[in-house]
Protein backbone atom coordinates (compact mmCIF):
# COMPACT_ATOMS: atom_id res chain seq x y z
CA MET A 1 -44.68 14.93 1.86
CA ARG A 2 -41.84 14.21 -0.55
CA ILE A 3 -42.65 11.58 -3.13
CA ILE A 4 -39.95 9.34 -4.29
CA LEU A 5 -40.22 7.55 -7.62
CA PHE A 6 -38.55 4.21 -8.10
CA PHE A 7 -37.43 2.53 -11.19
CA PHE A 8 -37.26 -1.28 -11.19
CA VAL A 9 -34.40 -2.21 -13.55
CA PHE A 10 -32.95 -5.66 -13.84
CA GLY A 11 -34.33 -6.65 -10.50
CA PHE A 12 -33.00 -3.93 -8.33
CA VAL A 13 -34.53 -0.57 -7.26
CA LEU A 14 -33.09 2.87 -7.97
CA SER A 15 -34.38 6.06 -6.52
CA ALA A 16 -35.10 8.88 -9.03
CA ARG A 17 -32.92 11.10 -6.79
CA ALA A 18 -30.92 8.50 -5.10
CA GLU A 19 -27.86 9.41 -2.99
CA LEU A 20 -24.64 7.58 -3.64
CA THR A 21 -23.75 4.86 -1.21
CA ASP A 22 -20.56 5.23 0.69
CA ILE A 23 -18.73 2.84 -1.64
CA GLU A 24 -20.08 4.65 -4.71
CA SER A 25 -18.95 7.99 -3.33
CA ARG A 26 -15.54 6.45 -2.83
CA ILE A 27 -15.41 5.20 -6.40
CA ALA A 28 -16.47 8.65 -7.71
CA GLU A 29 -13.86 10.44 -5.57
CA ILE A 30 -11.08 8.09 -6.82
CA ALA A 31 -12.07 8.50 -10.44
CA ARG A 32 -12.09 12.28 -10.31
CA GLY A 33 -8.49 12.20 -9.17
CA TYR A 34 -7.24 10.40 -12.33
CA LYS A 35 -7.25 13.38 -14.77
CA GLU A 36 -3.41 13.80 -15.10
CA PRO A 37 -2.43 10.07 -15.07
CA ALA A 38 -5.12 9.36 -17.63
CA ILE A 39 -3.88 12.18 -19.87
CA ALA A 40 -0.42 10.81 -19.56
CA LEU A 41 -1.48 7.36 -20.68
CA LEU A 42 -3.46 8.89 -23.62
CA LYS A 43 -0.37 10.90 -24.66
CA GLU A 44 1.75 7.80 -24.56
CA VAL A 45 -0.45 5.73 -26.83
CA VAL A 46 -1.46 8.51 -29.28
CA ASN A 47 2.19 9.12 -29.97
CA ILE A 48 2.50 5.57 -31.17
CA ASN A 49 1.15 5.30 -34.73
CA SER A 50 -1.31 2.55 -34.88
CA GLY A 51 -2.90 2.79 -38.29
CA THR A 52 -4.74 -0.42 -38.92
CA MET A 53 -2.20 -1.72 -41.45
CA ASN A 54 0.81 -0.69 -39.28
CA HIS A 55 0.78 -4.00 -37.59
CA ASP A 56 3.84 -3.30 -35.44
CA GLY A 57 2.25 -0.10 -34.14
CA VAL A 58 -0.96 -1.77 -33.29
CA ARG A 59 0.95 -4.36 -31.43
CA GLN A 60 3.00 -1.57 -29.52
CA VAL A 61 -0.20 0.17 -28.47
CA GLY A 62 -1.56 -3.25 -27.34
CA SER A 63 1.56 -3.77 -25.24
CA VAL A 64 1.02 -0.45 -23.40
CA PHE A 65 -2.63 -1.36 -22.53
CA ARG A 66 -1.55 -4.91 -21.61
CA ARG A 67 0.90 -3.33 -19.18
CA GLU A 68 -1.85 -1.27 -17.61
CA LEU A 69 -4.28 -4.22 -17.44
CA ASP A 70 -1.69 -6.49 -15.97
CA THR A 71 -1.12 -4.16 -13.11
CA LEU A 72 -4.83 -4.55 -12.28
CA GLY A 73 -4.34 -8.33 -11.82
CA MET A 74 -6.28 -9.16 -14.99
CA THR A 75 -5.33 -12.18 -17.11
CA THR A 76 -4.25 -10.76 -20.49
CA ARG A 77 -3.90 -12.53 -23.87
CA TRP A 78 -3.02 -11.42 -27.35
CA TYR A 79 -4.79 -13.03 -30.22
CA ASP A 80 -2.66 -12.90 -33.48
CA MET A 81 -4.74 -12.14 -36.59
CA SER A 82 -1.98 -12.56 -39.37
CA GLU A 83 -4.34 -15.06 -40.86
CA VAL A 84 -6.52 -12.13 -42.02
CA ASP A 85 -3.63 -9.71 -42.48
CA ARG A 86 -4.17 -7.79 -39.40
CA ALA A 87 -2.08 -7.32 -36.22
CA GLY A 88 -4.41 -8.90 -33.55
CA HIS A 89 -6.52 -8.24 -30.49
CA LEU A 90 -5.88 -7.74 -26.81
CA PHE A 91 -8.20 -9.37 -24.32
CA ALA A 92 -8.10 -9.20 -20.55
CA GLU A 93 -10.34 -10.87 -17.83
CA SER A 94 -10.81 -10.66 -14.18
CA GLY A 95 -13.31 -11.91 -11.58
CA SER A 96 -15.92 -14.59 -11.90
CA SER A 97 -18.78 -13.20 -9.64
CA GLY A 98 -21.49 -10.85 -10.48
CA ALA A 99 -22.77 -9.97 -13.90
CA CYS A 100 -20.15 -10.41 -16.70
CA GLN A 101 -19.44 -7.11 -18.54
CA LEU A 102 -17.73 -7.00 -21.99
CA LEU A 103 -15.86 -3.69 -22.32
CA ILE A 104 -15.08 -2.94 -25.92
CA GLY A 105 -12.43 -0.66 -27.41
CA HIS A 106 -10.01 -0.70 -30.33
CA LEU A 107 -6.36 -0.15 -30.70
CA ASP A 108 -6.08 1.07 -34.30
CA THR A 109 -6.69 4.39 -35.89
CA VAL A 110 -7.42 5.58 -39.56
CA PHE A 111 -4.01 7.35 -39.61
CA GLU A 112 -1.37 5.21 -41.30
CA PRO A 113 2.48 6.07 -40.85
CA ASN A 114 2.31 8.26 -44.03
CA SER A 115 -0.23 10.63 -42.49
CA PRO A 116 1.11 14.02 -41.46
CA PHE A 117 -1.13 13.82 -38.38
CA GLN A 118 0.94 11.86 -35.89
CA ASN A 119 1.36 13.47 -32.47
CA PHE A 120 -0.40 14.38 -29.31
CA GLN A 121 -0.60 18.19 -28.88
CA ARG A 122 -2.05 19.66 -25.60
CA ASP A 123 -3.22 23.21 -25.13
CA GLY A 124 -4.62 23.56 -21.61
CA ASP A 125 -7.67 21.26 -21.35
CA PHE A 126 -7.90 20.75 -25.15
CA ALA A 127 -5.76 18.34 -26.97
CA THR A 128 -5.48 17.05 -30.56
CA GLY A 129 -3.96 13.84 -31.95
CA PRO A 130 -4.66 10.71 -33.99
CA GLY A 131 -6.97 8.57 -31.94
CA VAL A 132 -7.49 10.93 -29.01
CA ASN A 133 -11.23 10.34 -29.23
CA ASP A 134 -11.49 7.54 -31.72
CA MET A 135 -10.66 5.63 -29.65
CA LYS A 136 -7.48 5.66 -27.71
CA GLY A 137 -9.33 8.04 -25.32
CA GLY A 138 -12.13 5.48 -24.84
CA ASN A 139 -9.60 2.76 -24.02
CA VAL A 140 -8.13 5.09 -21.38
CA VAL A 141 -11.52 5.46 -19.84
CA ILE A 142 -11.97 1.63 -19.64
CA VAL A 143 -8.50 1.25 -17.96
CA TYR A 144 -9.08 4.08 -15.32
CA ALA A 145 -12.69 3.05 -14.54
CA LEU A 146 -11.30 -0.40 -13.66
CA LYS A 147 -8.48 1.15 -11.68
CA ALA A 148 -11.08 3.16 -9.73
CA LEU A 149 -12.91 -0.10 -8.95
CA LEU A 150 -9.64 -1.72 -7.83
CA GLN A 151 -8.61 1.14 -5.68
CA ALA A 152 -12.03 1.20 -4.00
CA GLY A 153 -11.67 -2.52 -3.29
CA VAL A 154 -14.59 -3.73 -5.36
CA LEU A 155 -13.08 -4.92 -8.81
CA ASP A 156 -13.36 -8.53 -7.49
CA ARG A 157 -17.05 -8.03 -7.05
CA GLY A 158 -17.61 -8.14 -10.79
CA HIS A 159 -16.68 -10.18 -13.79
CA PHE A 160 -14.98 -8.16 -16.53
CA ILE A 161 -13.71 -8.96 -20.02
CA VAL A 162 -11.86 -6.17 -21.90
CA ALA A 163 -11.75 -6.48 -25.67
CA LEU A 164 -9.43 -4.12 -27.40
CA ILE A 165 -9.74 -4.90 -31.13
CA GLY A 166 -6.77 -4.28 -33.54
CA ASP A 167 -8.67 -3.66 -36.76
CA GLU A 168 -11.87 -1.92 -36.09
CA GLU A 169 -11.18 0.83 -38.67
CA LYS A 170 -10.54 -1.72 -41.44
CA SER A 171 -11.57 -5.07 -40.30
CA GLY A 172 -9.95 -8.22 -41.61
CA ASN A 173 -11.98 -10.70 -43.70
CA PRO A 174 -13.61 -13.00 -43.14
CA LYS A 175 -15.36 -11.52 -40.08
CA SER A 176 -15.89 -15.06 -38.84
CA ILE A 177 -12.14 -15.17 -38.08
CA SER A 178 -11.51 -11.46 -37.18
CA ARG A 179 -14.47 -11.14 -34.86
CA ARG A 180 -14.56 -14.68 -33.49
CA HIS A 181 -13.08 -13.95 -30.08
CA LEU A 182 -15.26 -10.99 -29.65
CA VAL A 183 -18.41 -12.92 -30.25
CA GLU A 184 -17.21 -15.81 -28.12
CA ALA A 185 -16.61 -13.41 -25.22
CA ALA A 186 -20.14 -11.93 -25.71
CA LYS A 187 -21.67 -15.26 -25.43
CA ARG A 188 -20.11 -15.58 -21.91
CA CYS A 189 -21.25 -12.08 -20.79
CA ASP A 190 -24.48 -10.39 -19.64
CA TYR A 191 -23.74 -6.85 -20.89
CA ALA A 192 -21.66 -5.16 -23.50
CA LEU A 193 -20.42 -1.61 -22.93
CA GLY A 194 -18.83 0.13 -26.02
CA PHE A 195 -16.34 2.92 -25.44
CA GLU A 196 -16.38 4.48 -28.84
CA ILE A 197 -16.42 8.40 -28.94
CA ALA A 198 -19.17 10.01 -26.83
CA THR A 199 -21.22 12.18 -29.00
CA SER A 200 -21.98 14.30 -25.85
CA LEU A 201 -22.28 13.66 -22.10
CA SER A 202 -26.06 13.64 -22.43
CA ALA A 203 -26.35 10.95 -25.13
CA ALA A 204 -25.41 7.35 -25.57
CA THR A 205 -26.01 4.76 -28.32
CA VAL A 206 -28.55 1.95 -28.05
CA ALA A 207 -28.76 1.35 -31.76
CA ARG A 208 -26.28 1.58 -34.67
CA ARG A 209 -26.83 0.89 -38.26
CA GLY A 210 -25.11 -1.89 -40.02
CA SER A 211 -23.23 -1.78 -43.29
CA SER A 212 -23.39 -4.09 -46.31
CA GLY A 213 -21.86 -4.00 -49.71
CA TRP A 214 -23.31 -4.59 -53.12
CA GLN A 215 -22.00 -4.80 -56.66
CA LEU A 216 -23.95 -4.34 -59.87
CA GLU A 217 -22.70 -5.71 -63.25
CA VAL A 218 -24.39 -4.75 -66.40
CA SER A 219 -23.66 -6.01 -69.88
CA GLY A 220 -24.75 -4.83 -73.36
CA LYS A 221 -23.96 -5.31 -76.95
CA GLN A 222 -21.00 -3.22 -78.33
CA ALA A 223 -21.64 -1.64 -81.65
CA HIS A 224 -21.44 1.63 -83.55
CA SER A 225 -23.40 4.39 -81.76
CA SER A 226 -25.34 5.14 -84.87
CA LEU A 227 -27.14 1.84 -84.33
CA ILE A 228 -28.08 2.33 -80.70
CA PHE A 229 -31.67 1.59 -79.81
CA SER A 230 -32.05 -0.57 -83.00
CA GLU A 231 -33.43 -3.99 -82.84
CA ASP A 232 -29.97 -5.48 -83.41
CA VAL A 233 -28.10 -3.42 -80.95
CA GLY A 234 -30.41 -2.37 -78.21
CA SER A 235 -29.80 0.22 -75.50
CA GLY A 236 -26.33 -0.49 -74.26
CA ALA A 237 -25.00 -1.22 -70.82
CA ILE A 238 -24.91 2.27 -69.49
CA PHE A 239 -28.54 3.09 -70.13
CA GLU A 240 -29.48 -0.24 -68.38
CA ALA A 241 -27.33 0.66 -65.44
CA ALA A 242 -29.00 4.12 -65.28
CA ARG A 243 -32.47 2.36 -65.33
CA ILE A 244 -31.57 0.16 -62.39
CA LEU A 245 -29.97 2.96 -60.30
CA ASN A 246 -32.84 5.32 -60.93
CA GLN A 247 -35.29 2.61 -59.88
CA PHE A 248 -33.38 2.02 -56.70
CA HIS A 249 -33.70 5.68 -55.98
CA ALA A 250 -37.41 5.70 -56.72
CA GLU A 251 -38.44 2.63 -54.74
CA LEU A 252 -35.96 2.63 -51.79
CA THR A 253 -35.62 6.25 -50.84
CA GLY A 254 -37.35 7.52 -47.76
CA GLU A 255 -37.47 4.50 -45.43
CA GLN A 256 -36.30 5.44 -41.93
CA TYR A 257 -32.61 4.42 -41.23
CA LEU A 258 -32.24 2.84 -44.73
CA THR A 259 -29.63 4.36 -47.02
CA PHE A 260 -27.96 2.96 -50.09
CA ASN A 261 -25.06 4.60 -52.04
CA PRO A 262 -23.44 3.87 -55.29
CA GLY A 263 -19.96 4.93 -54.44
CA LEU A 264 -18.03 3.87 -57.68
CA ILE A 265 -19.24 3.40 -61.22
CA LEU A 266 -17.21 2.28 -64.23
CA GLY A 267 -18.65 1.99 -67.75
CA GLY A 268 -17.47 1.63 -71.33
CA THR A 269 -16.03 -0.95 -73.69
CA GLU A 270 -12.99 -1.77 -71.49
CA VAL A 271 -13.52 -1.88 -67.72
CA ARG A 272 -11.05 -2.97 -65.07
CA HIS A 273 -12.34 -3.14 -61.50
CA ASP A 274 -10.55 -3.91 -58.34
CA ALA A 275 -13.24 -4.35 -55.72
CA GLY A 276 -10.73 -4.66 -52.78
CA ALA A 277 -9.16 -1.45 -53.58
CA ASN A 278 -12.42 0.34 -54.45
CA ALA A 279 -10.76 1.42 -57.67
CA GLY A 280 -10.66 0.77 -61.37
CA THR A 281 -10.33 2.24 -64.89
CA ALA A 282 -12.70 2.42 -67.85
CA PHE A 283 -12.29 3.24 -71.46
CA GLY A 284 -15.00 4.10 -73.94
CA LYS A 285 -15.85 6.30 -76.98
CA SER A 286 -18.84 8.43 -77.69
CA ASN A 287 -19.31 6.70 -80.99
CA VAL A 288 -19.32 3.12 -79.52
CA VAL A 289 -22.17 1.56 -77.49
CA ALA A 290 -20.77 0.54 -74.13
CA ASN A 291 -20.89 -3.22 -73.37
CA ARG A 292 -20.04 -3.12 -69.61
CA VAL A 293 -20.79 -1.24 -66.41
CA VAL A 294 -19.66 -2.05 -62.83
CA VAL A 295 -21.25 -0.17 -59.83
CA GLN A 296 -19.94 -0.65 -56.34
CA GLY A 297 -22.04 0.49 -53.45
CA GLY A 298 -23.19 0.15 -49.81
CA LEU A 299 -26.23 -0.25 -47.76
CA ARG A 300 -26.87 1.04 -44.23
CA PHE A 301 -29.72 -0.52 -42.14
CA ILE A 302 -31.06 -0.73 -38.59
CA SER A 303 -32.04 -4.39 -38.55
CA ARG A 304 -31.40 -7.61 -40.40
CA ALA A 305 -34.99 -7.57 -41.53
CA GLN A 306 -34.60 -4.20 -43.13
CA LEU A 307 -31.42 -5.34 -44.88
CA LEU A 308 -33.10 -8.44 -46.35
CA LYS A 309 -36.09 -6.38 -47.51
CA ALA A 310 -33.87 -3.92 -49.25
CA ARG A 311 -31.82 -6.67 -50.90
CA GLU A 312 -35.00 -8.29 -52.20
CA ALA A 313 -36.21 -5.08 -53.73
CA MET A 314 -32.84 -4.41 -55.35
CA GLN A 315 -32.71 -7.89 -56.76
CA ARG A 316 -36.20 -7.57 -58.18
CA ILE A 317 -35.37 -4.35 -59.94
CA VAL A 318 -32.20 -5.65 -61.44
CA ASP A 319 -33.98 -8.87 -62.69
CA ASP A 320 -37.04 -7.13 -64.11
CA GLY A 321 -37.56 -5.08 -67.24
CA HIS A 322 -34.14 -5.11 -68.81
CA ARG A 323 -33.60 -2.59 -71.67
CA PRO A 324 -33.30 -4.32 -75.00
CA LEU A 325 -30.26 -6.66 -75.40
CA THR A 326 -28.89 -5.90 -71.96
CA ASP A 327 -28.50 -8.14 -68.91
CA ALA A 328 -27.55 -7.35 -65.22
CA THR A 329 -26.63 -9.16 -61.97
CA ILE A 330 -26.15 -7.92 -58.47
CA THR A 331 -24.27 -9.53 -55.63
CA PHE A 332 -24.28 -8.59 -52.00
CA ALA A 333 -21.59 -8.86 -49.26
CA ASP A 334 -22.15 -8.81 -45.52
CA GLY A 335 -20.16 -6.23 -43.59
CA TYR A 336 -21.02 -4.94 -40.01
CA PRO A 337 -24.41 -6.21 -38.60
CA ALA A 338 -26.92 -3.71 -37.19
CA MET A 339 -27.14 -3.02 -33.43
CA SER A 340 -30.99 -2.92 -33.31
CA PRO A 341 -32.68 -1.03 -30.60
CA THR A 342 -34.07 -3.44 -27.87
CA GLU A 343 -35.74 -3.18 -24.63
CA GLY A 344 -32.55 -4.56 -23.00
CA ASN A 345 -30.54 -1.77 -24.53
CA GLN A 346 -32.98 0.79 -23.38
CA ARG A 347 -32.77 -0.65 -19.78
CA LEU A 348 -28.99 -0.19 -19.91
CA LEU A 349 -29.47 3.41 -20.98
CA SER A 350 -31.75 3.91 -18.03
CA ILE A 351 -29.09 2.64 -15.62
CA LEU A 352 -26.46 4.79 -17.29
CA SER A 353 -28.75 7.82 -17.17
CA GLN A 354 -29.57 7.23 -13.46
CA ALA A 355 -25.79 6.99 -12.69
CA SER A 356 -25.20 10.19 -14.59
CA GLU A 357 -27.95 12.08 -12.66
CA ASP A 358 -26.79 10.69 -9.38
CA LEU A 359 -23.31 12.17 -10.09
CA GLY A 360 -24.84 15.43 -10.90
CA TYR A 361 -24.25 15.33 -14.75
CA GLY A 362 -27.81 15.12 -15.79
CA PRO A 363 -29.85 12.50 -17.78
CA VAL A 364 -28.61 10.69 -20.75
CA GLU A 365 -30.74 10.05 -23.86
CA ALA A 366 -30.59 7.72 -26.79
CA TYR A 367 -28.57 9.11 -29.79
CA ASP A 368 -30.13 9.16 -33.19
CA PRO A 369 -28.94 5.79 -34.82
CA GLY A 370 -29.12 7.48 -38.27
CA LYS A 371 -26.13 9.58 -37.25
CA ARG A 372 -23.85 6.76 -36.23
CA GLY A 373 -21.92 4.35 -38.32
CA ALA A 374 -21.18 0.60 -37.66
CA ALA A 375 -18.94 -0.43 -34.85
CA ASP A 376 -17.66 -3.55 -33.15
CA VAL A 377 -20.44 -3.56 -30.55
CA SER A 378 -22.78 -4.42 -33.37
CA PHE A 379 -21.19 -7.85 -33.59
CA VAL A 380 -22.15 -8.68 -30.01
CA ALA A 381 -25.50 -6.95 -29.88
CA PRO A 382 -27.45 -10.02 -31.16
CA TYR A 383 -26.22 -11.97 -28.10
CA ILE A 384 -26.40 -9.52 -25.17
CA ASP A 385 -27.83 -6.12 -23.99
CA ALA A 386 -25.43 -3.47 -25.21
CA ILE A 387 -24.79 0.21 -25.13
CA ASP A 388 -22.06 2.35 -26.83
CA GLY A 389 -20.75 5.87 -26.83
CA LEU A 390 -19.23 5.76 -23.37
CA GLY A 391 -15.77 6.85 -24.47
CA ALA A 392 -13.98 10.17 -24.85
CA GLU A 393 -15.73 13.49 -25.59
CA GLY A 394 -14.30 15.22 -28.69
CA GLN A 395 -14.77 16.31 -32.22
CA GLY A 396 -13.25 15.71 -35.65
CA ALA A 397 -12.76 11.92 -35.62
CA HIS A 398 -11.07 10.67 -38.72
CA SER A 399 -9.70 14.06 -39.57
CA PRO A 400 -6.51 16.02 -38.82
CA GLU A 401 -8.69 18.06 -36.48
CA GLU A 402 -9.45 15.15 -34.13
CA SER A 403 -9.66 16.62 -30.65
CA ILE A 404 -10.61 15.76 -27.10
CA ASP A 405 -11.89 17.92 -24.13
CA LEU A 406 -9.69 16.72 -21.38
CA ASN A 407 -11.94 18.32 -18.75
CA THR A 408 -14.49 15.61 -19.48
CA LEU A 409 -12.07 12.65 -19.12
CA PRO A 410 -12.33 12.27 -15.31
CA MET A 411 -16.12 12.70 -15.57
CA LEU A 412 -16.47 9.90 -18.02
CA ILE A 413 -14.15 7.70 -16.03
CA GLU A 414 -16.27 8.38 -12.99
CA ARG A 415 -19.55 7.71 -14.75
CA ALA A 416 -18.22 4.43 -16.39
CA ALA A 417 -16.90 3.18 -13.08
CA LEU A 418 -20.22 3.82 -11.27
CA LEU A 419 -22.20 2.20 -14.12
CA MET A 420 -19.87 -0.82 -14.10
CA TYR A 421 -20.10 -1.18 -10.24
CA ARG A 422 -23.90 -1.04 -10.42
CA LEU A 423 -24.11 -3.61 -13.31
CA ALA A 424 -21.71 -5.86 -11.32
CA GLN A 425 -24.34 -6.18 -8.64
CA GLN A 426 -26.96 -7.70 -11.02
């Protein structure tokens, strides 16, 4: 006798080897037929430069996706972000029944107009270009998954909000302005699906580390170097900075998912530091005790609690045990929050994995959060269950070798459409 295992997820039952319903088979069939139209749309938007600070280009890419979303009958809106020196965001919404799903992408890339990497180049089922996988390819998956639901006659059975952010690669500050509309949308929804680059077809993201900045400033007494370590001169700013950084390393290294990095250090008797540009200059002589050091760094963390614990330890190290005649201060700046692993996120992964297996693509497992950076899904994760990594399959993001496997594009559209349809029934 055949034994059927059932998973009870969000109040409905899925068979471990469930067959697709008639409507699900129809959705899958439609999605598989979108390969060439999807590639054509991808080529169109990749060939428009949309480096974050190329505001006109970001708006042009937004106009292309707005055209596509308008044809779906969605209500579209552009939110201008000139207040934070960014182009803006495209939002679209349809439906009011069923579970609300927030579908997250971004319009910008890291490649500004002065980059030599500008065009979509196709070689069979392989293509390169700025943003092919990060993440114009993911945006295309969103659009064509919705098209599949519309063509199958079930788009109106769900409530969808599409958020295509215009400054994901270099977000405007303060985040309370640049991410306000995204957070507001999340508070209206039940699930968030992020379409950042897929690490593989067999993995998705249920947790991402957050990022935070810190700046250390150290002072000492300037004097002739022959007097260093004396009672009147002390140890100088550079030795005190070295003490602090070494103690950071000794006490904070080794905790899972916590990393901290001093990315810039300037020290001497004349220090000019531009924190916004991550740049500066320093002047000093070997026969003069340095009187100032500035260190600019970052923290990566898996939860707010881990961040606060690390900051507390760093503050204590800075405050305690100064070398003679030195002083130091440290300041912290919030960046991207963490997307912590939760039971709700894991349940979303289970539904995705079941959909993948039902389509014949095998199970999907959680990707190691230590290998993923921060993303916009992290801003909404505190409010709703979320999953990320549903976008294009490729390699070399943020490099001139950025590529996409075009064979996987219809598969990802098919899987996303089935996931979205099943979540809409919740």
